[in-house]
Amino acid sequence: MAINQELLDILACPTCKDAVTLNKEGNGLICFTCKRVYEIKDDIPIMLVDESKPLKE
């Protein structure tokens, strides 16, 4: 099951509050401002800064 578009529309980066974008694989949310990726596990976005990973350019 993919992330619902309604949920994507309201999710924001917990650090800078900018919008996040679903990555190509559909397994993470990207904040281009902070250059962080928030993983999606079992269709649940993990929006914790400590759990995020740096965006690989």
N, C-alpha and C. Protein backbone atom coordinates (compact mmCIF):
# COMPACT_ATOMS: atom_id res chain seq x y z
N MET A 1 0.86 -1.18 0.00
CA MET A 1 0.00 0.00 0.00
C MET A 1 0.90 1.24 0.00
N ALA A 2 0.58 2.19 -0.83
CA ALA A 2 1.36 3.43 -0.92
C ALA A 2 0.83 4.47 0.06
N ILE A 3 1.65 5.49 0.27
CA ILE A 3 1.25 6.60 1.13
C ILE A 3 0.13 7.38 0.44
N ASN A 4 -0.90 7.66 1.18
CA ASN A 4 -2.05 8.41 0.68
C ASN A 4 -1.64 9.84 0.34
N GLN A 5 -2.13 10.37 -0.78
CA GLN A 5 -1.78 11.72 -1.20
C GLN A 5 -2.23 12.76 -0.17
N GLU A 6 -3.36 12.54 0.48
CA GLU A 6 -3.82 13.46 1.53
C GLU A 6 -2.80 13.56 2.65
N LEU A 7 -2.23 12.43 3.04
CA LEU A 7 -1.21 12.42 4.09
C LEU A 7 0.05 13.15 3.61
N LEU A 8 0.45 12.89 2.38
CA LEU A 8 1.63 13.58 1.83
C LEU A 8 1.43 15.09 1.81
N ASP A 9 0.21 15.53 1.55
CA ASP A 9 -0.07 16.96 1.48
C ASP A 9 0.07 17.66 2.83
N ILE A 10 -0.11 16.94 3.92
CA ILE A 10 -0.04 17.58 5.24
C ILE A 10 1.27 17.32 5.98
N LEU A 11 2.04 16.32 5.52
CA LEU A 11 3.32 16.04 6.19
C LEU A 11 4.34 17.13 5.91
N ALA A 12 5.15 17.43 6.92
CA ALA A 12 6.20 18.43 6.78
C ALA A 12 7.44 17.95 7.53
N CYS A 13 8.57 18.45 7.12
CA CYS A 13 9.83 18.14 7.79
C CYS A 13 9.75 18.63 9.24
N PRO A 14 10.10 17.79 10.21
CA PRO A 14 10.03 18.23 11.61
C PRO A 14 11.06 19.29 11.97
N THR A 15 12.10 19.44 11.17
CA THR A 15 13.13 20.43 11.45
C THR A 15 12.78 21.80 10.89
N CYS A 16 12.55 21.87 9.59
CA CYS A 16 12.36 23.18 8.93
C CYS A 16 10.90 23.47 8.59
N LYS A 17 10.03 22.49 8.72
CA LYS A 17 8.59 22.62 8.44
C LYS A 17 8.25 22.77 6.96
N ASP A 18 9.22 22.52 6.07
CA ASP A 18 8.95 22.52 4.63
C ASP A 18 8.29 21.21 4.23
N ALA A 19 7.69 21.20 3.05
CA ALA A 19 7.03 20.01 2.53
C ALA A 19 8.05 18.92 2.24
N VAL A 20 7.61 17.68 2.34
CA VAL A 20 8.44 16.54 2.00
C VAL A 20 7.89 15.89 0.73
N THR A 21 8.77 15.20 0.00
CA THR A 21 8.41 14.58 -1.26
C THR A 21 8.72 13.09 -1.21
N LEU A 22 7.83 12.29 -1.74
CA LEU A 22 8.04 10.84 -1.80
C LEU A 22 9.19 10.55 -2.76
N ASN A 23 10.12 9.67 -2.35
CA ASN A 23 11.23 9.33 -3.25
C ASN A 23 10.75 8.36 -4.33
N LYS A 24 11.61 8.12 -5.33
CA LYS A 24 11.25 7.29 -6.48
C LYS A 24 10.88 5.87 -6.09
N GLU A 25 11.57 5.33 -5.08
CA GLU A 25 11.31 3.96 -4.65
C GLU A 25 10.03 3.84 -3.83
N GLY A 26 9.55 4.96 -3.30
CA GLY A 26 8.34 4.95 -2.48
C GLY A 26 8.58 4.50 -1.06
N ASN A 27 9.85 4.47 -0.62
CA ASN A 27 10.15 3.98 0.73
C ASN A 27 10.72 5.07 1.63
N GLY A 28 10.61 6.33 1.20
CA GLY A 28 11.13 7.41 2.01
C GLY A 28 10.58 8.76 1.59
N LEU A 29 10.64 9.70 2.50
CA LEU A 29 10.20 11.07 2.24
C LEU A 29 11.42 11.97 2.30
N ILE A 30 11.58 12.82 1.31
CA ILE A 30 12.76 13.67 1.20
C ILE A 30 12.41 15.11 1.54
N CYS A 31 13.26 15.72 2.37
CA CYS A 31 13.21 17.16 2.59
C CYS A 31 14.42 17.73 1.86
N PHE A 32 14.17 18.47 0.78
CA PHE A 32 15.26 19.03 -0.01
C PHE A 32 15.91 20.22 0.67
N THR A 33 15.22 20.87 1.59
CA THR A 33 15.79 22.00 2.32
C THR A 33 16.85 21.51 3.31
N CYS A 34 16.49 20.52 4.11
CA CYS A 34 17.41 19.98 5.12
C CYS A 34 18.31 18.88 4.56
N LYS A 35 17.98 18.41 3.35
CA LYS A 35 18.71 17.31 2.72
C LYS A 35 18.70 16.06 3.61
N ARG A 36 17.49 15.70 4.05
CA ARG A 36 17.28 14.52 4.90
C ARG A 36 16.24 13.61 4.25
N VAL A 37 16.33 12.31 4.56
CA VAL A 37 15.36 11.33 4.10
C VAL A 37 14.74 10.67 5.33
N TYR A 38 13.42 10.66 5.36
CA TYR A 38 12.67 10.03 6.45
C TYR A 38 12.10 8.73 5.90
N GLU A 39 12.50 7.62 6.50
CA GLU A 39 12.10 6.30 6.02
C GLU A 39 10.62 6.03 6.25
N ILE A 40 10.05 5.20 5.39
CA ILE A 40 8.68 4.73 5.56
C ILE A 40 8.76 3.24 5.88
N LYS A 41 8.27 2.85 7.05
CA LYS A 41 8.28 1.45 7.48
C LYS A 41 6.85 0.99 7.67
N ASP A 42 6.50 -0.11 7.04
CA ASP A 42 5.14 -0.67 7.13
C ASP A 42 4.08 0.40 6.84
N ASP A 43 4.34 1.20 5.79
CA ASP A 43 3.43 2.26 5.34
C ASP A 43 3.26 3.39 6.35
N ILE A 44 4.19 3.50 7.30
CA ILE A 44 4.14 4.57 8.30
C ILE A 44 5.41 5.40 8.17
N PRO A 45 5.26 6.70 7.86
CA PRO A 45 6.44 7.55 7.77
C PRO A 45 7.04 7.80 9.16
N ILE A 46 8.34 7.60 9.28
CA ILE A 46 9.05 7.81 10.54
C ILE A 46 9.62 9.23 10.50
N MET A 47 8.88 10.17 11.07
CA MET A 47 9.23 11.59 10.97
C MET A 47 10.02 12.06 12.19
N LEU A 48 11.00 11.28 12.59
CA LEU A 48 11.87 11.63 13.72
C LEU A 48 13.24 12.04 13.17
N VAL A 49 13.72 13.18 13.58
CA VAL A 49 15.00 13.69 13.09
C VAL A 49 16.12 12.70 13.39
N ASP A 50 16.12 12.10 14.57
CA ASP A 50 17.17 11.15 14.95
C ASP A 50 17.15 9.89 14.08
N GLU A 51 16.02 9.57 13.50
CA GLU A 51 15.89 8.38 12.66
C GLU A 51 16.14 8.68 11.18
N SER A 52 16.22 9.94 10.81
CA SER A 52 16.40 10.32 9.41
C SER A 52 17.85 10.09 8.98
N LYS A 53 18.05 10.09 7.66
CA LYS A 53 19.38 9.88 7.09
C LYS A 53 19.69 11.02 6.14
N PRO A 54 20.97 11.32 5.96
CA PRO A 54 21.34 12.37 5.00
C PRO A 54 20.97 11.96 3.58
N LEU A 55 20.54 12.92 2.80
CA LEU A 55 20.19 12.69 1.40
C LEU A 55 21.46 12.49 0.59
N LYS A 56 21.51 11.40 -0.16
CA LYS A 56 22.66 11.14 -1.03
C LYS A 56 22.38 11.83 -2.35
N GLU A 57 23.24 12.73 -2.73
CA GLU A 57 23.06 13.53 -3.95
C GLU A 57 23.20 12.70 -5.19
